[in-house]
């Protein structure tokens, strides 16, 4: 394909556009309805919509799915930070934010390695689906497994 680098950059950038649109909206919704409720909804829809990207058969279709998924992804980081800010004891906030930063970057380091292995074994479609499905256990943990 001509201009493959431009095309791939554009497709991955459209997700950021929808994230910029939706982040303030989801942050306000968390303030109004509860951060945990909105985070759970964001995780659910992000899981569905990230997995649905596998349905994109053309670069344009894939880009549309990425754009739509961005609206759900937008709430994840701001809502987690809001929960940390409101539920964490003041004397532990630095430690908890540090751990949050650590785990996010551990995912950035290990994610591409795991994705490469998964795509080698099962194809790139498996990576897309797994990227969405990995969010569902987090919903269960947030609502039933964590200590208050």
N, C-alpha and C. Protein backbone atom coordinates (compact mmCIF):
# COMPACT_ATOMS: atom_id res chain seq x y z
N UNK A 1 0.84 -1.19 0.00
CA UNK A 1 0.00 0.00 0.00
C UNK A 1 0.88 1.25 0.00
N UNK A 2 0.44 2.23 -0.76
CA UNK A 2 1.14 3.51 -0.74
C UNK A 2 0.88 4.21 0.58
N UNK A 3 1.86 4.91 1.08
CA UNK A 3 1.74 5.72 2.29
C UNK A 3 1.27 4.91 3.51
N UNK A 4 1.74 3.70 3.67
CA UNK A 4 1.31 2.85 4.77
C UNK A 4 1.62 3.47 6.13
N UNK A 5 2.74 4.16 6.23
CA UNK A 5 3.09 4.78 7.51
C UNK A 5 2.12 5.91 7.84
N UNK A 6 1.76 6.70 6.85
CA UNK A 6 0.80 7.79 7.06
C UNK A 6 -0.56 7.22 7.43
N UNK A 7 -0.96 6.17 6.74
CA UNK A 7 -2.26 5.55 7.01
C UNK A 7 -2.31 4.97 8.41
N UNK A 8 -1.28 4.23 8.81
CA UNK A 8 -1.29 3.64 10.16
C UNK A 8 -1.24 4.71 11.23
N UNK A 9 -0.46 5.76 11.02
CA UNK A 9 -0.42 6.85 11.98
C UNK A 9 -1.77 7.54 12.13
N UNK A 10 -2.45 7.73 11.01
CA UNK A 10 -3.78 8.35 11.04
C UNK A 10 -4.78 7.46 11.76
N UNK A 11 -4.77 6.17 11.47
CA UNK A 11 -5.71 5.24 12.11
C UNK A 11 -5.51 5.23 13.62
N UNK A 12 -4.27 5.22 14.06
CA UNK A 12 -4.04 5.19 15.50
C UNK A 12 -4.28 6.55 16.16
N UNK A 13 -4.22 7.62 15.39
CA UNK A 13 -4.47 8.95 15.94
C UNK A 13 -5.95 9.24 16.14
N UNK A 14 -6.81 8.61 15.36
CA UNK A 14 -8.24 8.91 15.49
C UNK A 14 -8.77 8.52 16.87
N UNK A 15 -8.18 7.53 17.47
CA UNK A 15 -8.58 7.14 18.82
C UNK A 15 -8.30 8.28 19.80
N UNK A 16 -7.17 8.95 19.63
CA UNK A 16 -6.83 10.07 20.51
C UNK A 16 -7.82 11.21 20.36
N UNK A 17 -8.35 11.41 19.17
CA UNK A 17 -9.33 12.48 18.95
C UNK A 17 -10.60 12.22 19.76
N UNK A 18 -11.10 10.99 19.70
CA UNK A 18 -12.32 10.69 20.46
C UNK A 18 -12.04 10.69 21.96
N UNK A 19 -10.84 10.34 22.37
CA UNK A 19 -10.46 10.41 23.78
C UNK A 19 -10.48 11.86 24.26
N UNK A 20 -9.95 12.77 23.44
CA UNK A 20 -9.96 14.19 23.81
C UNK A 20 -11.38 14.72 23.94
N UNK A 21 -12.27 14.24 23.11
CA UNK A 21 -13.67 14.68 23.17
C UNK A 21 -14.35 14.14 24.43
N UNK A 22 -14.14 12.87 24.72
CA UNK A 22 -14.91 12.19 25.76
C UNK A 22 -14.33 12.30 27.17
N UNK A 23 -13.04 12.55 27.33
CA UNK A 23 -12.45 12.57 28.67
C UNK A 23 -13.13 13.54 29.62
N UNK A 24 -13.36 14.79 29.24
CA UNK A 24 -14.03 15.69 30.19
C UNK A 24 -15.46 15.27 30.49
N UNK A 25 -16.12 14.69 29.51
CA UNK A 25 -17.50 14.24 29.70
C UNK A 25 -17.56 13.09 30.70
N UNK A 26 -16.67 12.11 30.53
CA UNK A 26 -16.66 10.96 31.45
C UNK A 26 -16.17 11.37 32.83
N UNK A 27 -15.25 12.31 32.90
CA UNK A 27 -14.82 12.81 34.21
C UNK A 27 -15.96 13.47 34.96
N UNK A 28 -16.74 14.27 34.24
CA UNK A 28 -17.91 14.92 34.86
C UNK A 28 -18.97 13.89 35.23
N UNK A 29 -19.15 12.89 34.40
CA UNK A 29 -20.11 11.83 34.72
C UNK A 29 -19.68 11.08 35.98
N UNK A 30 -18.37 10.84 36.12
CA UNK A 30 -17.87 10.20 37.33
C UNK A 30 -18.14 11.03 38.57
N UNK A 31 -17.97 12.33 38.44
CA UNK A 31 -18.25 13.24 39.55
C UNK A 31 -19.72 13.18 39.94
N UNK A 32 -20.58 13.07 38.94
CA UNK A 32 -22.03 13.11 39.19
C UNK A 32 -22.60 11.76 39.64
N UNK A 33 -22.17 10.67 38.99
CA UNK A 33 -22.79 9.36 39.23
C UNK A 33 -21.93 8.41 40.06
N UNK A 34 -20.69 8.78 40.27
CA UNK A 34 -19.77 7.92 41.02
C UNK A 34 -18.66 7.42 40.10
N UNK A 35 -17.43 7.60 40.55
CA UNK A 35 -16.29 7.24 39.71
C UNK A 35 -16.24 5.75 39.42
N UNK A 36 -16.54 4.92 40.41
CA UNK A 36 -16.48 3.48 40.22
C UNK A 36 -17.53 3.01 39.22
N UNK A 37 -18.74 3.55 39.28
CA UNK A 37 -19.79 3.17 38.34
C UNK A 37 -19.40 3.53 36.90
N UNK A 38 -18.92 4.75 36.73
CA UNK A 38 -18.56 5.19 35.39
C UNK A 38 -17.32 4.45 34.89
N UNK A 39 -16.37 4.17 35.79
CA UNK A 39 -15.19 3.38 35.39
C UNK A 39 -15.61 1.98 34.96
N UNK A 40 -16.52 1.36 35.69
CA UNK A 40 -16.99 0.02 35.32
C UNK A 40 -17.66 0.04 33.94
N UNK A 41 -18.47 1.05 33.70
CA UNK A 41 -19.12 1.18 32.38
C UNK A 41 -18.08 1.42 31.29
N UNK A 42 -17.11 2.27 31.57
CA UNK A 42 -16.05 2.55 30.59
C UNK A 42 -15.26 1.28 30.28
N UNK A 43 -14.92 0.51 31.31
CA UNK A 43 -14.20 -0.74 31.09
C UNK A 43 -15.02 -1.71 30.25
N UNK A 44 -16.31 -1.82 30.55
CA UNK A 44 -17.18 -2.73 29.81
C UNK A 44 -17.22 -2.35 28.33
N UNK A 45 -17.52 -1.08 28.06
CA UNK A 45 -17.64 -0.66 26.67
C UNK A 45 -16.28 -0.63 25.97
N UNK A 46 -15.22 -0.30 26.70
CA UNK A 46 -13.89 -0.36 26.10
C UNK A 46 -13.55 -1.80 25.71
N UNK A 47 -13.86 -2.74 26.59
CA UNK A 47 -13.61 -4.15 26.27
C UNK A 47 -14.35 -4.60 25.03
N UNK A 48 -15.62 -4.24 24.95
CA UNK A 48 -16.42 -4.60 23.78
C UNK A 48 -15.90 -3.93 22.51
N UNK A 49 -15.66 -2.63 22.60
CA UNK A 49 -15.31 -1.88 21.40
C UNK A 49 -13.87 -2.12 20.94
N UNK A 50 -12.98 -2.38 21.87
CA UNK A 50 -11.62 -2.75 21.45
C UNK A 50 -11.66 -4.10 20.74
N UNK A 51 -12.38 -5.05 21.31
CA UNK A 51 -12.51 -6.36 20.66
C UNK A 51 -13.20 -6.25 19.30
N UNK A 52 -14.16 -5.34 19.19
CA UNK A 52 -14.90 -5.17 17.94
C UNK A 52 -14.02 -4.64 16.81
N UNK A 53 -12.87 -4.09 17.14
CA UNK A 53 -11.98 -3.59 16.09
C UNK A 53 -11.57 -4.70 15.13
N UNK A 54 -11.66 -5.94 15.58
CA UNK A 54 -11.31 -7.07 14.73
C UNK A 54 -12.28 -7.16 13.54
N UNK A 55 -13.44 -6.53 13.65
CA UNK A 55 -14.42 -6.55 12.57
C UNK A 55 -14.03 -5.64 11.41
N UNK A 56 -13.11 -4.74 11.63
CA UNK A 56 -12.66 -3.84 10.57
C UNK A 56 -11.89 -4.60 9.51
N UNK A 57 -12.44 -4.68 8.32
CA UNK A 57 -11.80 -5.43 7.23
C UNK A 57 -10.98 -4.54 6.31
N UNK A 58 -11.19 -3.24 6.41
CA UNK A 58 -10.41 -2.29 5.62
C UNK A 58 -9.77 -1.30 6.60
N UNK A 59 -8.76 -0.59 6.17
CA UNK A 59 -8.18 0.42 7.06
C UNK A 59 -9.21 1.45 7.53
N UNK A 60 -10.12 1.84 6.66
CA UNK A 60 -11.14 2.80 7.05
C UNK A 60 -12.05 2.23 8.14
N UNK A 61 -12.51 0.99 7.98
CA UNK A 61 -13.37 0.35 8.98
C UNK A 61 -12.64 0.21 10.31
N UNK A 62 -11.38 -0.20 10.26
CA UNK A 62 -10.59 -0.33 11.48
C UNK A 62 -10.47 1.03 12.17
N UNK A 63 -10.24 2.07 11.39
CA UNK A 63 -10.15 3.42 11.94
C UNK A 63 -11.44 3.87 12.59
N UNK A 64 -12.57 3.52 11.98
CA UNK A 64 -13.88 3.87 12.58
C UNK A 64 -14.05 3.16 13.92
N UNK A 65 -13.70 1.88 13.98
CA UNK A 65 -13.81 1.15 15.25
C UNK A 65 -12.88 1.74 16.31
N UNK A 66 -11.68 2.15 15.90
CA UNK A 66 -10.74 2.77 16.86
C UNK A 66 -11.30 4.09 17.37
N UNK A 67 -11.90 4.87 16.48
CA UNK A 67 -12.49 6.14 16.89
C UNK A 67 -13.60 5.91 17.90
N UNK A 68 -14.47 4.96 17.63
CA UNK A 68 -15.58 4.67 18.54
C UNK A 68 -15.06 4.14 19.88
N UNK A 69 -14.08 3.27 19.83
CA UNK A 69 -13.51 2.71 21.07
C UNK A 69 -12.90 3.80 21.94
N UNK A 70 -12.36 4.83 21.33
CA UNK A 70 -11.76 5.92 22.08
C UNK A 70 -12.72 6.58 23.05
N UNK A 71 -14.01 6.61 22.71
CA UNK A 71 -14.99 7.22 23.60
C UNK A 71 -15.10 6.47 24.92
N UNK A 72 -14.92 5.16 24.91
CA UNK A 72 -14.95 4.38 26.15
C UNK A 72 -13.59 4.40 26.85
N UNK A 73 -12.52 4.32 26.08
CA UNK A 73 -11.18 4.33 26.65
C UNK A 73 -10.90 5.63 27.39
N UNK A 74 -11.55 6.70 26.96
CA UNK A 74 -11.30 8.05 27.50
C UNK A 74 -11.46 8.14 29.00
N UNK A 75 -12.32 7.34 29.57
CA UNK A 75 -12.58 7.45 30.99
C UNK A 75 -11.60 6.70 31.87
N UNK A 76 -10.82 5.82 31.31
CA UNK A 76 -10.04 4.91 32.15
C UNK A 76 -9.03 5.63 33.05
N UNK A 77 -8.13 6.37 32.48
CA UNK A 77 -7.09 7.00 33.30
C UNK A 77 -7.64 8.10 34.20
N UNK A 78 -8.48 9.02 33.69
CA UNK A 78 -9.00 10.05 34.60
C UNK A 78 -9.83 9.49 35.75
N UNK A 79 -10.61 8.45 35.47
CA UNK A 79 -11.46 7.89 36.53
C UNK A 79 -10.64 7.14 37.56
N UNK A 80 -9.62 6.41 37.13
CA UNK A 80 -8.73 5.74 38.08
C UNK A 80 -8.04 6.77 38.97
N UNK A 81 -7.54 7.83 38.35
CA UNK A 81 -6.89 8.88 39.14
C UNK A 81 -7.86 9.55 40.11
N UNK A 82 -9.10 9.72 39.69
CA UNK A 82 -10.11 10.31 40.59
C UNK A 82 -10.40 9.40 41.76
N UNK A 83 -10.50 8.10 41.51
CA UNK A 83 -10.75 7.14 42.59
C UNK A 83 -9.57 7.16 43.56
N UNK A 84 -8.36 7.17 43.04
CA UNK A 84 -7.19 7.23 43.92
C UNK A 84 -7.25 8.50 44.77
N UNK A 85 -7.57 9.62 44.15
CA UNK A 85 -7.60 10.90 44.88
C UNK A 85 -8.65 10.93 45.97
N UNK A 86 -9.80 10.30 45.72
CA UNK A 86 -10.88 10.38 46.70
C UNK A 86 -10.84 9.28 47.74
N UNK A 87 -10.33 8.10 47.41
CA UNK A 87 -10.39 6.97 48.34
C UNK A 87 -9.09 6.68 49.06
N UNK A 88 -8.01 7.22 48.59
CA UNK A 88 -6.71 6.91 49.18
C UNK A 88 -6.45 7.84 50.37
N UNK A 89 -5.95 7.29 51.47
CA UNK A 89 -5.58 8.14 52.60
C UNK A 89 -4.49 9.13 52.17
N UNK A 90 -4.55 10.34 52.68
CA UNK A 90 -3.57 11.37 52.26
C UNK A 90 -2.12 10.96 52.43
N UNK A 91 -1.80 10.20 53.46
CA UNK A 91 -0.42 9.82 53.69
C UNK A 91 0.06 8.69 52.77
N UNK A 92 -0.84 8.13 51.94
CA UNK A 92 -0.48 7.04 51.02
C UNK A 92 -0.60 7.44 49.55
N UNK A 93 -1.06 8.67 49.28
CA UNK A 93 -1.32 9.07 47.88
C UNK A 93 -0.08 8.99 47.01
N UNK A 94 1.05 9.46 47.47
CA UNK A 94 2.27 9.41 46.66
C UNK A 94 2.63 7.98 46.30
N UNK A 95 2.54 7.09 47.28
CA UNK A 95 2.86 5.69 47.06
C UNK A 95 1.88 5.06 46.07
N UNK A 96 0.59 5.33 46.23
CA UNK A 96 -0.42 4.73 45.37
C UNK A 96 -0.32 5.28 43.94
N UNK A 97 -0.13 6.59 43.81
CA UNK A 97 0.05 7.16 42.46
C UNK A 97 1.32 6.61 41.81
N UNK A 98 2.37 6.42 42.61
CA UNK A 98 3.60 5.83 42.09
C UNK A 98 3.37 4.40 41.60
N UNK A 99 2.62 3.62 42.38
CA UNK A 99 2.31 2.25 41.97
C UNK A 99 1.45 2.25 40.71
N UNK A 100 0.50 3.18 40.63
CA UNK A 100 -0.35 3.30 39.45
C UNK A 100 0.51 3.60 38.22
N UNK A 101 1.45 4.51 38.35
CA UNK A 101 2.35 4.86 37.26
C UNK A 101 3.22 3.66 36.87
N UNK A 102 3.73 2.96 37.89
CA UNK A 102 4.56 1.79 37.66
C UNK A 102 3.81 0.73 36.88
N UNK A 103 2.58 0.41 37.30
CA UNK A 103 1.84 -0.65 36.62
C UNK A 103 1.47 -0.25 35.20
N UNK A 104 1.16 1.02 34.99
CA UNK A 104 0.86 1.48 33.63
C UNK A 104 2.04 1.30 32.70
N UNK A 105 3.22 1.65 33.20
CA UNK A 105 4.40 1.52 32.36
C UNK A 105 4.88 0.07 32.24
N UNK A 106 4.61 -0.74 33.24
CA UNK A 106 4.91 -2.16 33.11
C UNK A 106 4.06 -2.76 31.98
N UNK A 107 2.81 -2.31 31.90
CA UNK A 107 1.96 -2.75 30.80
C UNK A 107 2.48 -2.29 29.45
N UNK A 108 3.01 -1.07 29.41
CA UNK A 108 3.59 -0.56 28.15
C UNK A 108 4.84 -1.34 27.75
N UNK A 109 5.55 -1.87 28.74
CA UNK A 109 6.75 -2.66 28.44
C UNK A 109 6.41 -4.10 28.09
N UNK A 110 5.51 -4.69 28.85
CA UNK A 110 5.19 -6.11 28.64
C UNK A 110 4.14 -6.33 27.56
N UNK A 111 3.27 -5.35 27.36
CA UNK A 111 2.20 -5.49 26.38
C UNK A 111 2.68 -5.81 24.98
N UNK A 112 3.61 -5.03 24.43
CA UNK A 112 4.09 -5.34 23.07
C UNK A 112 4.76 -6.71 22.98
N UNK A 113 5.47 -7.09 24.04
CA UNK A 113 6.09 -8.42 24.04
C UNK A 113 5.03 -9.52 24.00
N UNK A 114 4.02 -9.39 24.86
CA UNK A 114 2.94 -10.38 24.88
C UNK A 114 2.15 -10.36 23.58
N UNK A 115 1.91 -9.17 23.03
CA UNK A 115 1.17 -9.06 21.77
C UNK A 115 1.94 -9.71 20.63
N UNK A 116 3.24 -9.52 20.63
CA UNK A 116 4.06 -10.14 19.59
C UNK A 116 4.00 -11.66 19.65
N UNK A 117 4.08 -12.19 20.87
CA UNK A 117 4.00 -13.65 21.03
C UNK A 117 2.62 -14.15 20.64
N UNK A 118 1.59 -13.47 21.10
CA UNK A 118 0.22 -13.88 20.79
C UNK A 118 -0.04 -13.83 19.29
N UNK A 119 0.43 -12.78 18.63
CA UNK A 119 0.19 -12.68 17.19
C UNK A 119 0.99 -13.74 16.43
N UNK A 120 2.16 -14.08 16.94
CA UNK A 120 2.94 -15.14 16.32
C UNK A 120 2.26 -16.49 16.41
N UNK A 121 1.58 -16.74 17.51
CA UNK A 121 0.91 -18.02 17.70
C UNK A 121 -0.46 -18.08 17.03
N UNK A 122 -1.22 -16.97 17.15
CA UNK A 122 -2.62 -17.02 16.73
C UNK A 122 -3.02 -15.98 15.69
N UNK A 123 -2.14 -15.08 15.32
CA UNK A 123 -2.46 -14.03 14.36
C UNK A 123 -2.82 -12.73 15.05
N UNK A 124 -2.76 -11.65 14.29
CA UNK A 124 -2.99 -10.33 14.89
C UNK A 124 -4.41 -10.14 15.40
N UNK A 125 -5.39 -10.85 14.82
CA UNK A 125 -6.76 -10.72 15.29
C UNK A 125 -6.89 -11.14 16.75
N UNK A 126 -6.12 -12.14 17.16
CA UNK A 126 -6.15 -12.59 18.55
C UNK A 126 -5.66 -11.49 19.50
N UNK A 127 -4.70 -10.70 19.05
CA UNK A 127 -4.19 -9.60 19.87
C UNK A 127 -5.29 -8.57 20.10
N UNK A 128 -6.02 -8.24 19.04
CA UNK A 128 -7.08 -7.25 19.14
C UNK A 128 -8.16 -7.73 20.10
N UNK A 129 -8.61 -8.95 19.93
CA UNK A 129 -9.66 -9.49 20.81
C UNK A 129 -9.16 -9.59 22.25
N UNK A 130 -7.96 -10.09 22.45
CA UNK A 130 -7.41 -10.23 23.80
C UNK A 130 -7.25 -8.87 24.48
N UNK A 131 -6.90 -7.85 23.71
CA UNK A 131 -6.76 -6.50 24.28
C UNK A 131 -8.06 -5.99 24.87
N UNK A 132 -9.17 -6.38 24.27
CA UNK A 132 -10.47 -5.99 24.81
C UNK A 132 -10.91 -6.89 25.95
N UNK A 133 -10.74 -8.19 25.77
CA UNK A 133 -11.23 -9.15 26.77
C UNK A 133 -10.51 -9.04 28.10
N UNK A 134 -9.27 -8.58 28.08
CA UNK A 134 -8.49 -8.47 29.32
C UNK A 134 -9.11 -7.46 30.29
N UNK A 135 -9.98 -6.59 29.79
CA UNK A 135 -10.60 -5.58 30.65
C UNK A 135 -11.75 -6.13 31.49
N UNK A 136 -12.39 -7.20 31.05
CA UNK A 136 -13.56 -7.71 31.77
C UNK A 136 -13.26 -8.24 33.17
N UNK A 137 -12.15 -8.95 33.39
CA UNK A 137 -11.85 -9.35 34.78
C UNK A 137 -11.65 -8.14 35.71
N UNK A 138 -11.20 -7.02 35.15
CA UNK A 138 -11.03 -5.83 35.98
C UNK A 138 -12.36 -5.31 36.50
N UNK A 139 -13.41 -5.43 35.70
CA UNK A 139 -14.74 -5.00 36.15
C UNK A 139 -15.17 -5.84 37.34
N UNK A 140 -14.98 -7.14 37.23
CA UNK A 140 -15.36 -8.04 38.32
C UNK A 140 -14.54 -7.71 39.57
N UNK A 141 -13.24 -7.52 39.40
CA UNK A 141 -12.39 -7.20 40.54
C UNK A 141 -12.81 -5.88 41.19
N UNK A 142 -13.02 -4.86 40.39
CA UNK A 142 -13.39 -3.55 40.95
C UNK A 142 -14.68 -3.59 41.75
N UNK A 143 -15.63 -4.39 41.29
CA UNK A 143 -16.94 -4.39 41.93
C UNK A 143 -17.11 -5.45 43.01
N UNK A 144 -16.29 -6.51 42.98
CA UNK A 144 -16.50 -7.60 43.93
C UNK A 144 -15.24 -8.05 44.65
N UNK A 145 -14.07 -7.82 44.09
CA UNK A 145 -12.87 -8.41 44.64
C UNK A 145 -12.00 -7.51 45.48
N UNK A 146 -12.17 -6.23 45.37
CA UNK A 146 -11.27 -5.34 46.09
C UNK A 146 -11.80 -5.02 47.47
N UNK A 147 -10.89 -4.71 48.37
CA UNK A 147 -11.30 -4.31 49.71
C UNK A 147 -11.73 -2.86 49.68
N UNK A 148 -12.76 -2.55 50.41
CA UNK A 148 -13.24 -1.16 50.46
C UNK A 148 -12.30 -0.31 51.26
